[in-house]
C-alpha atoms as a PDB file:
ATOM      1  CA  MET A   1      -6.027  74.665 -47.831  1.00  0.00           C
ATOM      2  CA  ASN A   2      -7.248  71.709 -49.933  1.00  0.00           C
ATOM      3  CA  ARG A   3     -10.674  72.099 -50.888  1.00  0.00           C
ATOM      4  CA  LEU A   4     -12.070  71.343 -54.328  1.00  0.00           C
ATOM      5  CA  MET A   5     -15.643  72.042 -55.750  1.00  0.00           C
ATOM      6  CA  LEU A   6     -16.361  70.693 -59.184  1.00  0.00           C
ATOM      7  CA  GLN A   7     -19.598  70.607 -61.466  1.00  0.00           C
ATOM      8  CA  ALA A   8     -19.393  67.222 -62.983  1.00  0.00           C
ATOM      9  CA  GLN A   9     -21.077  64.292 -64.542  1.00  0.00           C
ATOM     10  CA  LEU A  10     -21.144  60.902 -62.994  1.00  0.00           C
ATOM     11  CA  VAL A  11     -19.568  58.518 -65.647  1.00  0.00           C
ATOM     12  CA  GLU A  12     -18.651  55.471 -63.712  1.00  0.00           C
ATOM     13  CA  ARG A  13     -19.438  53.800 -60.543  1.00  0.00           C
ATOM     14  CA  GLY A  14     -17.945  50.733 -58.912  1.00  0.00           C
ATOM     15  CA  PRO A  15     -19.753  48.409 -56.469  1.00  0.00           C
ATOM     16  CA  LEU A  16     -20.174  49.400 -52.793  1.00  0.00           C
ATOM     17  CA  ARG A  17     -17.472  47.959 -50.763  1.00  0.00           C
ATOM     18  CA  HIS A  18     -16.381  48.379 -47.217  1.00  0.00           C
ATOM     19  CA  THR A  19     -13.059  49.306 -45.594  1.00  0.00           C
ATOM     20  CA  PRO A  20     -11.377  46.893 -43.111  1.00  0.00           C
ATOM     21  CA  ALA A  21     -13.002  48.929 -40.393  1.00  0.00           C
ATOM     22  CA  GLY A  22     -16.292  48.345 -41.971  1.00  0.00           C
ATOM     23  CA  VAL A  23     -17.023  51.769 -43.234  1.00  0.00           C
ATOM     24  CA  PRO A  24     -18.817  51.901 -46.721  1.00  0.00           C
ATOM     25  CA  ALA A  25     -16.693  53.191 -49.681  1.00  0.00           C
ATOM     26  CA  LEU A  26     -17.527  53.776 -53.331  1.00  0.00           C
ATOM     27  CA  ASP A  27     -15.210  54.239 -56.152  1.00  0.00           C
ATOM     28  CA  PHE A  28     -16.551  56.343 -59.181  1.00  0.00           C
ATOM     29  CA  GLY A  29     -15.463  58.576 -62.007  1.00  0.00           C
ATOM     30  CA  LEU A  30     -16.361  62.094 -62.892  1.00  0.00           C
ATOM     31  CA  PHE A  31     -16.161  64.026 -66.070  1.00  0.00           C
ATOM     32  CA  HIS A  32     -15.901  67.822 -66.300  1.00  0.00           C
ATOM     33  CA  GLU A  33     -16.024  70.131 -69.212  1.00  0.00           C
ATOM     34  CA  SER A  34     -16.084  73.958 -69.150  1.00  0.00           C
ATOM     35  CA  GLN A  35     -14.322  77.001 -70.398  1.00  0.00           C
ATOM     36  CA  ALA A  36     -11.996  78.985 -68.246  1.00  0.00           C
ATOM     37  CA  SER A  37      -9.906  82.201 -68.649  1.00  0.00           C
ATOM     38  CA  GLU A  38      -6.258  81.733 -68.512  1.00  0.00           C
ATOM     39  CA  ASP A  39      -3.945  84.833 -68.733  1.00  0.00           C
ATOM     40  CA  GLY A  40      -6.920  86.532 -70.273  1.00  0.00           C
ATOM     41  CA  GLN A  41      -7.331  83.916 -72.979  1.00  0.00           C
ATOM     42  CA  PRO A  42     -10.360  81.444 -73.165  1.00  0.00           C
ATOM     43  CA  ARG A  43      -9.332  77.985 -72.578  1.00  0.00           C
ATOM     44  CA  GLN A  44     -11.594  74.800 -72.971  1.00  0.00           C
ATOM     45  CA  VAL A  45     -11.090  72.423 -69.985  1.00  0.00           C
ATOM     46  CA  THR A  46     -11.900  68.836 -70.076  1.00  0.00           C
ATOM     47  CA  LEU A  47     -10.906  66.329 -67.542  1.00  0.00           C
ATOM     48  CA  GLN A  48     -12.004  63.029 -66.052  1.00  0.00           C
ATOM     49  CA  ILE A  49     -10.993  62.326 -62.296  1.00  0.00           C
ATOM     50  CA  LYS A  50     -11.103  59.230 -60.178  1.00  0.00           C
ATOM     51  CA  SER A  51     -13.065  59.797 -57.100  1.00  0.00           C
ATOM     52  CA  VAL A  52     -14.112  58.097 -53.831  1.00  0.00           C
ATOM     53  CA  ALA A  53     -16.853  58.428 -51.274  1.00  0.00           C
ATOM     54  CA  ILE A  54     -16.389  57.318 -47.922  1.00  0.00           C
ATOM     55  CA  GLY A  55     -18.929  56.917 -45.065  1.00  0.00           C
ATOM     56  CA  ARG A  56     -22.640  58.306 -45.251  1.00  0.00           C
ATOM     57  CA  ILE A  57     -21.969  60.208 -48.510  1.00  0.00           C
ATOM     58  CA  THR A  58     -21.854  56.994 -50.239  1.00  0.00           C
ATOM     59  CA  ALA A  59     -25.712  56.989 -50.160  1.00  0.00           C
ATOM     60  CA  ALA A  60     -25.877  60.336 -51.950  1.00  0.00           C
ATOM     61  CA  VAL A  61     -23.540  59.130 -54.752  1.00  0.00           C
ATOM     62  CA  SER A  62     -25.243  55.782 -55.067  1.00  0.00           C
ATOM     63  CA  SER A  63     -28.404  57.514 -55.704  1.00  0.00           C
ATOM     64  CA  LEU A  64     -27.189  59.374 -58.709  1.00  0.00           C
ATOM     65  CA  THR A  65     -27.829  57.925 -61.955  1.00  0.00           C
ATOM     66  CA  LEU A  66     -25.005  57.486 -64.464  1.00  0.00           C
ATOM     67  CA  GLY A  67     -24.873  60.729 -66.378  1.00  0.00           C
ATOM     68  CA  ALA A  68     -26.335  62.752 -63.799  1.00  0.00           C
ATOM     69  CA  SER A  69     -24.665  66.145 -63.188  1.00  0.00           C
ATOM     70  CA  ALA A  70     -23.860  67.508 -59.698  1.00  0.00           C
ATOM     71  CA  VAL A  71     -21.707  69.676 -57.856  1.00  0.00           C
ATOM     72  CA  PHE A  72     -19.085  67.600 -55.890  1.00  0.00           C
ATOM     73  CA  ALA A  73     -16.996  69.010 -52.891  1.00  0.00           C
ATOM     74  CA  GLY A  74     -14.199  67.479 -51.053  1.00  0.00           C
ATOM     75  CA  PHE A  75     -10.312  67.265 -51.163  1.00  0.00           C
ATOM     76  CA  LEU A  76      -7.570  65.894 -53.138  1.00  0.00           C
ATOM     77  CA  ALA A  77      -5.077  63.146 -51.943  1.00  0.00           C
ATOM     78  CA  ALA A  78      -2.770  60.841 -53.614  1.00  0.00           C
ATOM     79  CA  SER A  79      -4.167  57.770 -54.787  1.00  0.00           C
ATOM     80  CA  ARG A  80      -3.823  54.408 -52.966  1.00  0.00           C
ATOM     81  CA  ASN A  81      -1.266  53.159 -55.438  1.00  0.00           C
ATOM     82  CA  GLY A  82       0.682  56.443 -55.028  1.00  0.00           C
ATOM     83  CA  ARG A  83       0.082  57.333 -58.818  1.00  0.00           C
ATOM     84  CA  GLY A  84      -1.996  60.224 -59.654  1.00  0.00           C
ATOM     85  CA  LEU A  85      -4.738  62.100 -57.546  1.00  0.00           C
ATOM     86  CA  LEU A  86      -7.971  60.977 -56.009  1.00  0.00           C
ATOM     87  CA  PHE A  87     -10.874  63.265 -55.280  1.00  0.00           C
ATOM     88  CA  HIS A  88     -12.376  62.348 -52.045  1.00  0.00           C
ATOM     89  CA  VAL A  89     -15.821  63.621 -52.169  1.00  0.00           C
ATOM     90  CA  THR A  90     -17.525  64.746 -48.946  1.00  0.00           C
ATOM     91  CA  ALA A  91     -20.514  66.447 -50.195  1.00  0.00           C
ATOM     92  CA  VAL A  92     -22.863  66.332 -53.265  1.00  0.00           C
ATOM     93  CA  GLU A  93     -25.475  68.689 -54.480  1.00  0.00           C
ATOM     94  CA  PRO A  94     -27.412  67.613 -57.412  1.00  0.00           C
ATOM     95  CA  SER A  95     -27.506  70.171 -60.189  1.00  0.00           C
ATOM     96  CA  VAL A  96     -30.597  71.947 -61.208  1.00  0.00           C
ATOM     97  CA  PRO A  97     -31.354  71.647 -64.902  1.00  0.00           C
END
């Protein structure tokens, strides 16, 4: 199973573009910071991940302001250039302050 849920902050957003098939697509960056337990020890976790929204979900991501926190759900895939991972976001739920 390839499923990722991440509470993160929207830190960058590119312009809305369209795939060759005419489907809307939006590239954006997310920042996450939390504390996790690893082998019984606390660990500070900080990451920034490149993300993409394709189709109707682009409207939800576009409506978020930069710096907004939300829960993003989707899956991981290789990036278009084959280097690293890309988080394909399929659902967004704004975080309650």
